[in-house]
Amino acid sequence: MTGSRRRIAAAVLAVVLVLAGWLGWQRWQRSAPAPRIQAVPLPDADAGGIEGVETVDAPDATLPTGGTPMAQRVAVLGLLNKRNGISREVMMRPGRAVRIGDVVIRLAACEKTASWEAEPLTGAFVQLDVRGPEGRWGRVFSGWLFRERPALNVVQHPVYDVWTKSCTMSWPETGTGTETLAPARAPRSSASKRPVSPEPPVAPPSAAFSNAT
């Protein structure tokens, strides 16, 4: 009987130790400082000392459709660390890169459909580079991410996830080549131009009766 009690006490103590360790690890994760956000320059092929990482660029020109120039747009991306559950918003312009810890996010373009399009979409062309445990960087994603339809393209990585939240830009009210016509005027009626002849006077019935007699 004493041996069974000792075994029960040992099991309870082991559970308490495991629970305390788990709570302590969670508290440490919450109190750990967040990774510093660092802007990475893009002129060289090895941006920020990251070897073998291809850079991206965005043309600073007005698009043929007359929308906001690509370099003047602003995208907001979401970044999630699945290991510690920390998520953050990253605001950047096309042609820029941002490093957060072991992650480099590069934005090549962002766009949203015009008001005259049938289906509203907000997308961003993102390249995601992650540094592995051995210290080497590798490209884990490159493609369009759409806010309204996230299942079209997914970042497949066990630790990090990136998604599109917004793209600040504007389109003209109409597309290029659209002509604005003056509103059509209602045709004037020809009947209104004809002179109206007065009707002959009608004698009162009493006068006609007196003439007949």
Protein backbone atom coordinates (compact mmCIF):
# COMPACT_ATOMS: atom_id res chain seq x y z
CA MET A 1 0.00 0.00 0.00
CA THR A 2 2.88 2.32 0.82
CA GLY A 3 4.55 1.59 -2.54
CA SER A 4 1.41 2.51 -4.50
CA ARG A 5 1.16 5.80 -2.63
CA ARG A 6 4.77 6.57 -3.45
CA ARG A 7 4.17 5.86 -7.12
CA ILE A 8 1.10 8.13 -7.13
CA ALA A 9 3.02 10.90 -5.39
CA ALA A 10 5.89 10.56 -7.88
CA ALA A 11 3.47 10.74 -10.83
CA VAL A 12 1.78 13.84 -9.41
CA LEU A 13 5.18 15.47 -8.84
CA ALA A 14 6.24 14.71 -12.42
CA VAL A 15 3.03 16.26 -13.79
CA VAL A 16 3.57 19.37 -11.65
CA LEU A 17 7.16 19.72 -12.86
CA VAL A 18 6.15 19.34 -16.52
CA LEU A 19 3.34 21.88 -16.11
CA ALA A 20 5.63 24.36 -14.36
CA GLY A 21 8.24 24.00 -17.08
CA TRP A 22 5.67 24.55 -19.81
CA LEU A 23 4.27 27.65 -18.10
CA GLY A 24 7.78 29.00 -17.60
CA TRP A 25 8.60 28.49 -21.28
CA GLN A 26 5.40 30.27 -22.35
CA ARG A 27 6.22 33.20 -20.01
CA TRP A 28 9.73 33.41 -21.46
CA GLN A 29 8.37 33.44 -25.01
CA ARG A 30 5.99 36.30 -24.20
CA SER A 31 8.69 38.31 -22.41
CA ALA A 32 11.37 37.74 -25.07
CA PRO A 33 12.13 40.88 -27.07
CA ALA A 34 10.62 41.00 -30.55
CA PRO A 35 13.05 40.76 -33.46
CA ARG A 36 14.26 44.12 -34.70
CA ILE A 37 12.95 45.23 -38.09
CA GLN A 38 15.77 46.17 -40.41
CA ALA A 39 15.41 47.67 -43.88
CA VAL A 40 17.59 45.87 -46.41
CA PRO A 41 19.02 47.85 -49.37
CA LEU A 42 18.49 46.36 -52.80
CA PRO A 43 21.12 47.73 -55.22
CA ASP A 44 23.52 44.75 -54.95
CA ALA A 45 22.81 41.10 -55.60
CA ASP A 46 23.89 40.23 -52.04
CA ALA A 47 21.46 42.50 -50.17
CA GLY A 48 22.36 43.01 -46.54
CA GLY A 49 25.14 40.41 -46.72
CA ILE A 50 22.68 37.65 -47.69
CA GLU A 51 24.48 35.58 -50.28
CA GLY A 52 22.64 33.96 -53.16
CA VAL A 53 19.44 35.92 -52.62
CA GLU A 54 17.91 37.51 -55.70
CA THR A 55 16.71 41.08 -55.34
CA VAL A 56 13.54 42.60 -56.71
CA ASP A 57 12.83 45.97 -58.25
CA ALA A 58 9.78 47.99 -59.22
CA PRO A 59 9.64 50.51 -62.09
CA ASP A 60 8.92 54.10 -61.13
CA ALA A 61 6.62 54.90 -64.05
CA THR A 62 2.97 55.56 -64.57
CA LEU A 63 1.16 52.46 -65.73
CA PRO A 64 -0.64 52.51 -69.11
CA THR A 65 -3.95 52.29 -67.27
CA GLY A 66 -3.24 55.55 -65.46
CA GLY A 67 -3.13 54.08 -61.94
CA THR A 68 -0.79 55.03 -59.12
CA PRO A 69 2.88 54.46 -60.11
CA MET A 70 4.14 51.17 -58.68
CA ALA A 71 6.93 52.73 -56.59
CA GLN A 72 4.41 55.06 -54.90
CA ARG A 73 2.07 52.32 -53.70
CA VAL A 74 2.15 51.09 -50.11
CA ALA A 75 1.39 47.51 -49.09
CA VAL A 76 0.67 46.12 -45.63
CA LEU A 77 1.67 42.49 -45.14
CA GLY A 78 1.06 40.19 -42.21
CA LEU A 79 3.89 38.04 -40.81
CA LEU A 80 3.26 35.18 -38.37
CA ASN A 81 5.80 33.19 -36.41
CA LYS A 82 4.02 29.88 -35.80
CA ARG A 83 6.60 28.81 -33.24
CA ASN A 84 5.84 31.53 -30.70
CA GLY A 85 2.49 32.79 -32.08
CA ILE A 86 3.75 36.37 -32.60
CA SER A 87 2.28 38.21 -35.58
CA ARG A 88 3.06 41.69 -36.86
CA GLU A 89 2.17 44.08 -39.66
CA VAL A 90 4.86 45.10 -42.12
CA MET A 91 4.31 48.26 -44.21
CA MET A 92 6.52 48.64 -47.27
CA ARG A 93 6.70 49.95 -50.83
CA PRO A 94 7.31 47.85 -53.96
CA GLY A 95 11.00 47.38 -54.64
CA ARG A 96 11.90 47.33 -50.94
CA ALA A 97 12.95 44.58 -48.54
CA VAL A 98 12.60 44.24 -44.78
CA ARG A 99 14.50 41.87 -42.51
CA ILE A 100 12.90 40.65 -39.28
CA GLY A 101 15.17 38.24 -37.44
CA ASP A 102 15.71 35.23 -39.67
CA VAL A 103 13.21 36.40 -42.31
CA VAL A 104 13.60 38.77 -45.25
CA ILE A 105 10.39 39.93 -46.96
CA ARG A 106 10.73 41.45 -50.42
CA LEU A 107 7.86 43.21 -52.15
CA ALA A 108 7.99 43.35 -55.95
CA ALA A 109 4.50 44.76 -56.58
CA CYS A 110 1.08 45.30 -55.07
CA GLU A 111 -2.20 45.99 -56.81
CA LYS A 112 -5.95 46.02 -56.35
CA THR A 113 -8.60 45.79 -59.01
CA ALA A 114 -10.29 48.92 -60.29
CA SER A 115 -13.83 49.86 -59.36
CA TRP A 116 -15.18 48.75 -62.74
CA GLU A 117 -13.81 45.20 -62.37
CA ALA A 118 -16.33 42.47 -61.59
CA GLU A 119 -14.34 40.78 -58.78
CA PRO A 120 -12.46 42.91 -56.20
CA LEU A 121 -8.98 41.55 -55.47
CA THR A 122 -6.02 42.88 -53.49
CA GLY A 123 -2.71 41.20 -54.20
CA ALA A 124 1.01 41.54 -53.56
CA PHE A 125 3.95 39.82 -55.23
CA VAL A 126 6.10 38.69 -52.31
CA GLN A 127 9.43 36.90 -52.02
CA LEU A 128 10.23 35.29 -48.66
CA ASP A 129 13.77 34.32 -47.67
CA VAL A 130 14.45 32.41 -44.44
CA ARG A 131 17.73 31.62 -42.70
CA GLY A 132 17.97 27.97 -41.71
CA PRO A 133 19.55 26.42 -38.60
CA GLU A 134 22.89 26.07 -40.41
CA GLY A 135 22.93 29.82 -41.07
CA ARG A 136 22.29 29.66 -44.80
CA TRP A 137 19.56 31.70 -46.47
CA GLY A 138 17.05 30.18 -48.87
CA ARG A 139 14.06 31.31 -50.91
CA VAL A 140 10.92 29.60 -49.55
CA PHE A 141 8.26 31.52 -51.49
CA SER A 142 7.92 33.75 -54.54
CA GLY A 143 4.54 34.67 -56.00
CA TRP A 144 1.27 36.58 -55.67
CA LEU A 145 -0.71 36.53 -52.42
CA PHE A 146 -4.35 37.65 -52.57
CA ARG A 147 -6.25 38.92 -49.55
CA GLU A 148 -9.72 37.92 -50.76
CA ARG A 149 -8.62 34.49 -52.03
CA PRO A 150 -5.75 33.24 -49.85
CA ALA A 151 -6.13 29.66 -51.08
CA LEU A 152 -4.89 30.62 -54.56
CA ASN A 153 -1.30 30.74 -53.28
CA VAL A 154 -0.02 29.70 -49.87
CA VAL A 155 3.34 30.12 -48.15
CA GLN A 156 4.33 26.56 -47.26
CA HIS A 157 6.80 26.89 -44.39
CA PRO A 158 6.69 25.19 -40.96
CA VAL A 159 7.51 28.36 -39.02
CA TYR A 160 6.61 31.50 -40.98
CA ASP A 161 3.51 32.63 -42.81
CA VAL A 162 2.94 35.80 -44.85
CA TRP A 163 -0.31 37.21 -46.25
CA THR A 164 -1.58 40.38 -47.93
CA LYS A 165 -3.63 42.84 -45.87
CA SER A 166 -3.92 45.94 -48.08
CA CYS A 167 -2.48 47.87 -51.01
CA THR A 168 -2.85 51.64 -51.00
CA MET A 169 -3.30 52.87 -54.58
CA SER A 170 -5.93 54.47 -56.77
CA TRP A 171 -7.33 54.05 -60.24
CA PRO A 172 -8.94 56.68 -62.47
CA GLU A 173 -12.72 56.70 -62.63
CA THR A 174 -12.61 55.26 -66.16
CA GLY A 175 -10.09 53.31 -68.18
CA THR A 176 -7.82 54.70 -70.85
CA GLY A 177 -9.42 55.56 -74.19
CA THR A 178 -12.80 56.23 -72.61
CA GLU A 179 -14.55 59.23 -74.17
CA THR A 180 -17.00 61.31 -72.19
CA LEU A 181 -20.04 62.23 -74.30
CA ALA A 182 -22.49 65.04 -73.59
CA PRO A 183 -25.90 63.84 -72.44
CA ALA A 184 -28.43 63.50 -75.26
CA ARG A 185 -31.08 66.22 -75.46
CA ALA A 186 -34.76 65.38 -75.85
CA PRO A 187 -36.05 66.18 -79.39
CA ARG A 188 -38.38 69.16 -79.65
CA SER A 189 -41.95 68.43 -80.68
CA SER A 190 -42.93 69.78 -84.15
CA ALA A 191 -46.52 70.23 -83.00
CA SER A 192 -45.50 73.05 -80.71
CA LYS A 193 -44.26 75.11 -83.67
CA ARG A 194 -47.60 75.12 -85.56
CA PRO A 195 -49.91 78.14 -84.99
CA VAL A 196 -53.12 77.31 -83.24
CA SER A 197 -56.18 78.77 -85.11
CA PRO A 198 -58.96 80.03 -82.88
CA GLU A 199 -62.21 78.09 -82.96
CA PRO A 200 -65.34 79.92 -84.36
CA PRO A 201 -67.62 81.31 -81.71
CA VAL A 202 -70.71 79.27 -80.94
CA ALA A 203 -74.00 81.11 -80.52
CA PRO A 204 -75.81 80.46 -77.31
CA PRO A 205 -78.91 78.24 -77.60
CA SER A 206 -81.26 81.05 -76.58
CA ALA A 207 -80.12 83.22 -79.52
CA ALA A 208 -80.62 80.44 -82.04
CA PHE A 209 -84.15 79.82 -80.72
CA SER A 210 -85.07 83.50 -80.99
CA ASN A 211 -83.89 83.72 -84.63
CA ALA A 212 -85.93 80.72 -85.62
CA THR A 213 -89.11 82.26 -84.34
